[in-house]
Amino acid sequence: MSISAREIHELNIRHYRKLLETETDPGRRQTITFLLRREEISLARLERSISSGSLSPSRANRASETD
């Protein structure tokens, strides 16, 4: 079984959102928020690339490894 780049981004986003539910340290919250935003941006780019046809789903997995 192979996990797709999209699934990895979605799992990371879920993880960061869950961390933000309980984290109270301002510095850690800022770092988690930064990482969350970066994942959301990467996922949006990946989905745009796939939907525009410029990147097939199989190539998307390799392309996101370099983000």
PDB file of N, CA and C in Angstrom:
ATOM      1  N   MET A   1       0.842  -1.189   0.000  1.00  0.00           N
ATOM      2  CA  MET A   1       0.000   0.000   0.000  1.00  0.00           C
ATOM      3  C   MET A   1       0.878   1.240   0.000  1.00  0.00           C
ATOM      4  N   SER A   2       0.524   2.168  -0.839  1.00  0.00           N
ATOM      5  CA  SER A   2       1.283   3.410  -0.948  1.00  0.00           C
ATOM      6  C   SER A   2       0.420   4.579  -0.480  1.00  0.00           C
ATOM      7  N   ILE A   3       1.016   5.443   0.301  1.00  0.00           N
ATOM      8  CA  ILE A   3       0.298   6.628   0.766  1.00  0.00           C
ATOM      9  C   ILE A   3       0.643   7.789  -0.164  1.00  0.00           C
ATOM     10  N   SER A   4      -0.346   8.566  -0.525  1.00  0.00           N
ATOM     11  CA  SER A   4      -0.131   9.653  -1.472  1.00  0.00           C
ATOM     12  C   SER A   4       0.353  10.913  -0.763  1.00  0.00           C
ATOM     13  N   ALA A   5       0.903  11.805  -1.535  1.00  0.00           N
ATOM     14  CA  ALA A   5       1.345  13.096  -0.999  1.00  0.00           C
ATOM     15  C   ALA A   5       0.167  13.846  -0.394  1.00  0.00           C
ATOM     16  N   ARG A   6      -0.984  13.770  -1.041  1.00  0.00           N
ATOM     17  CA  ARG A   6      -2.185  14.436  -0.526  1.00  0.00           C
ATOM     18  C   ARG A   6      -2.530  13.900   0.867  1.00  0.00           C
ATOM     19  N   GLU A   7      -2.484  12.578   1.019  1.00  0.00           N
ATOM     20  CA  GLU A   7      -2.798  11.981   2.318  1.00  0.00           C
ATOM     21  C   GLU A   7      -1.814  12.414   3.398  1.00  0.00           C
ATOM     22  N   ILE A   8      -0.557  12.524   3.057  1.00  0.00           N
ATOM     23  CA  ILE A   8       0.447  12.968   4.027  1.00  0.00           C
ATOM     24  C   ILE A   8       0.162  14.394   4.469  1.00  0.00           C
ATOM     25  N   HIS A   9      -0.129  15.275   3.518  1.00  0.00           N
ATOM     26  CA  HIS A   9      -0.464  16.661   3.873  1.00  0.00           C
ATOM     27  C   HIS A   9      -1.702  16.708   4.760  1.00  0.00           C
ATOM     28  N   GLU A  10      -2.720  15.931   4.417  1.00  0.00           N
ATOM     29  CA  GLU A  10      -3.956  15.917   5.208  1.00  0.00           C
ATOM     30  C   GLU A  10      -3.712  15.392   6.619  1.00  0.00           C
ATOM     31  N   LEU A  11      -2.894  14.355   6.745  1.00  0.00           N
ATOM     32  CA  LEU A  11      -2.561  13.824   8.068  1.00  0.00           C
ATOM     33  C   LEU A  11      -1.794  14.850   8.901  1.00  0.00           C
ATOM     34  N   ASN A  12      -0.850  15.520   8.262  1.00  0.00           N
ATOM     35  CA  ASN A  12      -0.082  16.552   8.971  1.00  0.00           C
ATOM     36  C   ASN A  12      -0.986  17.695   9.435  1.00  0.00           C
ATOM     37  N   ILE A  13      -1.891  18.116   8.573  1.00  0.00           N
ATOM     38  CA  ILE A  13      -2.823  19.197   8.917  1.00  0.00           C
ATOM     39  C   ILE A  13      -3.677  18.786  10.116  1.00  0.00           C
ATOM     40  N   ARG A  14      -4.210  17.578  10.081  1.00  0.00           N
ATOM     41  CA  ARG A  14      -5.003  17.082  11.210  1.00  0.00           C
ATOM     42  C   ARG A  14      -4.183  17.057  12.499  1.00  0.00           C
ATOM     43  N   HIS A  15      -2.945  16.603  12.388  1.00  0.00           N
ATOM     44  CA  HIS A  15      -2.055  16.522  13.546  1.00  0.00           C
ATOM     45  C   HIS A  15      -1.793  17.906  14.147  1.00  0.00           C
ATOM     46  N   TYR A  16      -1.454  18.876  13.306  1.00  0.00           N
ATOM     47  CA  TYR A  16      -1.164  20.228  13.805  1.00  0.00           C
ATOM     48  C   TYR A  16      -2.403  20.871  14.423  1.00  0.00           C
ATOM     49  N   ARG A  17      -3.559  20.657  13.830  1.00  0.00           N
ATOM     50  CA  ARG A  17      -4.795  21.206  14.403  1.00  0.00           C
ATOM     51  C   ARG A  17      -5.079  20.599  15.775  1.00  0.00           C
ATOM     52  N   LYS A  18      -4.825  19.304  15.909  1.00  0.00           N
ATOM     53  CA  LYS A  18      -5.037  18.645  17.199  1.00  0.00           C
ATOM     54  C   LYS A  18      -4.061  19.194  18.240  1.00  0.00           C
ATOM     55  N   LEU A  19      -2.809  19.417  17.849  1.00  0.00           N
ATOM     56  CA  LEU A  19      -1.831  19.987  18.784  1.00  0.00           C
ATOM     57  C   LEU A  19      -2.270  21.368  19.268  1.00  0.00           C
ATOM     58  N   LEU A  20      -2.829  22.153  18.365  1.00  0.00           N
ATOM     59  CA  LEU A  20      -3.258  23.506  18.732  1.00  0.00           C
ATOM     60  C   LEU A  20      -4.431  23.506  19.725  1.00  0.00           C
ATOM     61  N   GLU A  21      -5.171  22.411  19.792  1.00  0.00           N
ATOM     62  CA  GLU A  21      -6.288  22.331  20.734  1.00  0.00           C
ATOM     63  C   GLU A  21      -5.821  22.365  22.190  1.00  0.00           C
ATOM     64  N   THR A  22      -4.607  21.869  22.444  1.00  0.00           N
ATOM     65  CA  THR A  22      -4.142  21.763  23.836  1.00  0.00           C
ATOM     66  C   THR A  22      -2.898  22.574  24.151  1.00  0.00           C
ATOM     67  N   GLU A  23      -2.151  22.976  23.137  1.00  0.00           N
ATOM     68  CA  GLU A  23      -0.895  23.703  23.391  1.00  0.00           C
ATOM     69  C   GLU A  23      -1.192  25.110  23.897  1.00  0.00           C
ATOM     70  N   THR A  24      -0.537  25.483  24.984  1.00  0.00           N
ATOM     71  CA  THR A  24      -0.750  26.809  25.560  1.00  0.00           C
ATOM     72  C   THR A  24       0.482  27.706  25.458  1.00  0.00           C
ATOM     73  N   ASP A  25       1.654  27.132  25.241  1.00  0.00           N
ATOM     74  CA  ASP A  25       2.876  27.928  25.146  1.00  0.00           C
ATOM     75  C   ASP A  25       2.845  28.759  23.857  1.00  0.00           C
ATOM     76  N   PRO A  26       2.963  30.089  23.988  1.00  0.00           N
ATOM     77  CA  PRO A  26       2.871  30.955  22.799  1.00  0.00           C
ATOM     78  C   PRO A  26       3.911  30.650  21.719  1.00  0.00           C
ATOM     79  N   GLY A  27       5.116  30.331  22.123  1.00  0.00           N
ATOM     80  CA  GLY A  27       6.164  30.027  21.147  1.00  0.00           C
ATOM     81  C   GLY A  27       5.883  28.751  20.384  1.00  0.00           C
ATOM     82  N   ARG A  28       5.444  27.743  21.092  1.00  0.00           N
ATOM     83  CA  ARG A  28       5.098  26.474  20.445  1.00  0.00           C
ATOM     84  C   ARG A  28       3.870  26.641  19.557  1.00  0.00           C
ATOM     85  N   ARG A  29       2.888  27.398  20.026  1.00  0.00           N
ATOM     86  CA  ARG A  29       1.688  27.646  19.203  1.00  0.00           C
ATOM     87  C   ARG A  29       2.067  28.347  17.901  1.00  0.00           C
ATOM     88  N   GLN A  30       2.994  29.287  17.994  1.00  0.00           N
ATOM     89  CA  GLN A  30       3.436  30.006  16.793  1.00  0.00           C
ATOM     90  C   GLN A  30       4.110  29.040  15.820  1.00  0.00           C
ATOM     91  N   THR A  31       4.960  28.155  16.329  1.00  0.00           N
ATOM     92  CA  THR A  31       5.640  27.182  15.474  1.00  0.00           C
ATOM     93  C   THR A  31       4.636  26.224  14.838  1.00  0.00           C
ATOM     94  N   ILE A  32       3.706  25.720  15.633  1.00  0.00           N
ATOM     95  CA  ILE A  32       2.697  24.796  15.114  1.00  0.00           C
ATOM     96  C   ILE A  32       1.831  25.490  14.069  1.00  0.00           C
ATOM     97  N   THR A  33       1.457  26.729  14.323  1.00  0.00           N
ATOM     98  CA  THR A  33       0.649  27.493  13.369  1.00  0.00           C
ATOM     99  C   THR A  33       1.406  27.684  12.063  1.00  0.00           C
ATOM    100  N   PHE A  34       2.697  27.966  12.150  1.00  0.00           N
ATOM    101  CA  PHE A  34       3.530  28.110  10.960  1.00  0.00           C
ATOM    102  C   PHE A  34       3.555  26.800  10.173  1.00  0.00           C
ATOM    103  N   LEU A  35       3.784  25.686  10.864  1.00  0.00           N
ATOM    104  CA  LEU A  35       3.842  24.386  10.196  1.00  0.00           C
ATOM    105  C   LEU A  35       2.497  24.018   9.573  1.00  0.00           C
ATOM    106  N   LEU A  36       1.425  24.321  10.289  1.00  0.00           N
ATOM    107  CA  LEU A  36       0.081  24.073   9.765  1.00  0.00           C
ATOM    108  C   LEU A  36      -0.144  24.852   8.478  1.00  0.00           C
ATOM    109  N   ARG A  37       0.174  26.109   8.502  1.00  0.00           N
ATOM    110  CA  ARG A  37      -0.022  26.960   7.316  1.00  0.00           C
ATOM    111  C   ARG A  37       0.806  26.458   6.136  1.00  0.00           C
ATOM    112  N   ARG A  38       2.037  26.028   6.421  1.00  0.00           N
ATOM    113  CA  ARG A  38       2.913  25.516   5.361  1.00  0.00           C
ATOM    114  C   ARG A  38       2.302  24.263   4.718  1.00  0.00           C
ATOM    115  N   GLU A  39       1.741  23.386   5.541  1.00  0.00           N
ATOM    116  CA  GLU A  39       1.089  22.186   5.011  1.00  0.00           C
ATOM    117  C   GLU A  39      -0.141  22.541   4.183  1.00  0.00           C
ATOM    118  N   GLU A  40      -0.936  23.497   4.672  1.00  0.00           N
ATOM    119  CA  GLU A  40      -2.122  23.912   3.928  1.00  0.00           C
ATOM    120  C   GLU A  40      -1.747  24.489   2.568  1.00  0.00           C
ATOM    121  N   ILE A  41      -0.692  25.273   2.531  1.00  0.00           N
ATOM    122  CA  ILE A  41      -0.227  25.854   1.267  1.00  0.00           C
ATOM    123  C   ILE A  41       0.274  24.755   0.330  1.00  0.00           C
ATOM    124  N   SER A  42       1.049  23.823   0.857  1.00  0.00           N
ATOM    125  CA  SER A  42       1.572  22.724   0.037  1.00  0.00           C
ATOM    126  C   SER A  42       0.440  21.884  -0.536  1.00  0.00           C
ATOM    127  N   LEU A  43      -0.569  21.600   0.279  1.00  0.00           N
ATOM    128  CA  LEU A  43      -1.716  20.826  -0.193  1.00  0.00           C
ATOM    129  C   LEU A  43      -2.465  21.589  -1.284  1.00  0.00           C
ATOM    130  N   ALA A  44      -2.669  22.868  -1.090  1.00  0.00           N
ATOM    131  CA  ALA A  44      -3.372  23.677  -2.096  1.00  0.00           C
ATOM    132  C   ALA A  44      -2.596  23.689  -3.415  1.00  0.00           C
ATOM    133  N   ARG A  45      -1.284  23.833  -3.339  1.00  0.00           N
ATOM    134  CA  ARG A  45      -0.452  23.812  -4.561  1.00  0.00           C
ATOM    135  C   ARG A  45      -0.559  22.472  -5.261  1.00  0.00           C
ATOM    136  N   LEU A  46      -0.487  21.406  -4.492  1.00  0.00           N
ATOM    137  CA  LEU A  46      -0.580  20.065  -5.054  1.00  0.00           C
ATOM    138  C   LEU A  46      -1.924  19.870  -5.747  1.00  0.00           C
ATOM    139  N   GLU A  47      -3.000  20.265  -5.100  1.00  0.00           N
ATOM    140  CA  GLU A  47      -4.331  20.101  -5.686  1.00  0.00           C
ATOM    141  C   GLU A  47      -4.503  20.955  -6.937  1.00  0.00           C
ATOM    142  N   ARG A  48      -3.956  22.180  -6.922  1.00  0.00           N
ATOM    143  CA  ARG A  48      -4.020  23.026  -8.126  1.00  0.00           C
ATOM    144  C   ARG A  48      -3.252  22.391  -9.274  1.00  0.00           C
ATOM    145  N   SER A  49      -2.086  21.842  -8.983  1.00  0.00           N
ATOM    146  CA  SER A  49      -1.274  21.216 -10.023  1.00  0.00           C
ATOM    147  C   SER A  49      -1.987  20.019 -10.636  1.00  0.00           C
ATOM    148  N   ILE A  50      -2.607  19.227  -9.790  1.00  0.00           N
ATOM    149  CA  ILE A  50      -3.319  18.043 -10.284  1.00  0.00           C
ATOM    150  C   ILE A  50      -4.549  18.447 -11.076  1.00  0.00           C
ATOM    151  N   SER A  51      -5.326  19.400 -10.563  1.00  0.00           N
ATOM    152  CA  SER A  51      -6.566  19.787 -11.245  1.00  0.00           C
ATOM    153  C   SER A  51      -6.309  20.522 -12.556  1.00  0.00           C
ATOM    154  N   SER A  52      -5.187  21.211 -12.643  1.00  0.00           N
ATOM    155  CA  SER A  52      -4.871  21.920 -13.888  1.00  0.00           C
ATOM    156  C   SER A  52      -4.277  20.983 -14.928  1.00  0.00           C
ATOM    157  N   GLY A  53      -3.948  19.775 -14.505  1.00  0.00           N
ATOM    158  CA  GLY A  53      -3.388  18.815 -15.444  1.00  0.00           C
ATOM    159  C   GLY A  53      -1.901  18.949 -15.636  1.00  0.00           C
ATOM    160  N   SER A  54      -1.274  19.869 -14.924  1.00  0.00           N
ATOM    161  CA  SER A  54       0.164  20.043 -15.087  1.00  0.00           C
ATOM    162  C   SER A  54       0.956  18.996 -14.329  1.00  0.00           C
ATOM    163  N   LEU A  55       0.275  18.247 -13.477  1.00  0.00           N
ATOM    164  CA  LEU A  55       0.958  17.238 -12.679  1.00  0.00           C
ATOM    165  C   LEU A  55       0.003  16.070 -12.473  1.00  0.00           C
ATOM    166  N   SER A  56       0.415  14.898 -12.908  1.00  0.00           N
ATOM    167  CA  SER A  56      -0.423  13.723 -12.686  1.00  0.00           C
ATOM    168  C   SER A  56      -0.316  13.294 -11.228  1.00  0.00           C
ATOM    169  N   PRO A  57      -1.294  12.573 -10.701  1.00  0.00           N
ATOM    170  CA  PRO A  57      -1.231  12.153  -9.299  1.00  0.00           C
ATOM    171  C   PRO A  57       0.028  11.368  -8.961  1.00  0.00           C
ATOM    172  N   SER A  58       0.518  10.535  -9.869  1.00  0.00           N
ATOM    173  CA  SER A  58       1.731   9.769  -9.565  1.00  0.00           C
ATOM    174  C   SER A  58       2.965  10.668  -9.519  1.00  0.00           C
ATOM    175  N   ARG A  59       3.026  11.663 -10.400  1.00  0.00           N
ATOM    176  CA  ARG A  59       4.143  12.608 -10.364  1.00  0.00           C
ATOM    177  C   ARG A  59       4.016  13.543  -9.177  1.00  0.00           C
ATOM    178  N   ALA A  60       2.796  13.770  -8.686  1.00  0.00           N
ATOM    179  CA  ALA A  60       2.574  14.644  -7.549  1.00  0.00           C
ATOM    180  C   ALA A  60       3.271  14.113  -6.307  1.00  0.00           C
ATOM    181  N   ASN A  61       3.306  12.817  -6.153  1.00  0.00           N
ATOM    182  CA  ASN A  61       3.979  12.233  -5.001  1.00  0.00           C
ATOM    183  C   ASN A  61       5.463  12.588  -5.011  1.00  0.00           C
ATOM    184  N   ARG A  62       6.098  12.470  -6.156  1.00  0.00           N
ATOM    185  CA  ARG A  62       7.523  12.797  -6.236  1.00  0.00           C
ATOM    186  C   ARG A  62       7.762  14.290  -6.115  1.00  0.00           C
ATOM    187  N   ALA A  63       6.893  15.109  -6.686  1.00  0.00           N
ATOM    188  CA  ALA A  63       7.081  16.553  -6.663  1.00  0.00           C
ATOM    189  C   ALA A  63       6.957  17.114  -5.258  1.00  0.00           C
ATOM    190  N   SER A  64       6.041  16.583  -4.481  1.00  0.00           N
ATOM    191  CA  SER A  64       5.836  17.125  -3.133  1.00  0.00           C
ATOM    192  C   SER A  64       6.976  16.754  -2.198  1.00  0.00           C
ATOM    193  N   GLU A  65       7.770  15.761  -2.548  1.00  0.00           N
ATOM    194  CA  GLU A  65       8.908  15.379  -1.719  1.00  0.00           C
ATOM    195  C   GLU A  65       9.970  16.463  -1.718  1.00  0.00           C
ATOM    196  N   THR A  66       9.950  17.339  -2.714  1.00  0.00           N
ATOM    197  CA  THR A  66      10.957  18.383  -2.805  1.00  0.00           C
ATOM    198  C   THR A  66      10.496  19.704  -2.231  1.00  0.00           C
ATOM    199  N   ASP A  67       9.203  19.798  -1.821  1.00  0.00           N
ATOM    200  CA  ASP A  67       8.659  21.032  -1.235  1.00  0.00           C
ATOM    201  C   ASP A  67       9.321  21.365   0.072  1.00  0.00           C
TER     202      ASP A  67
END
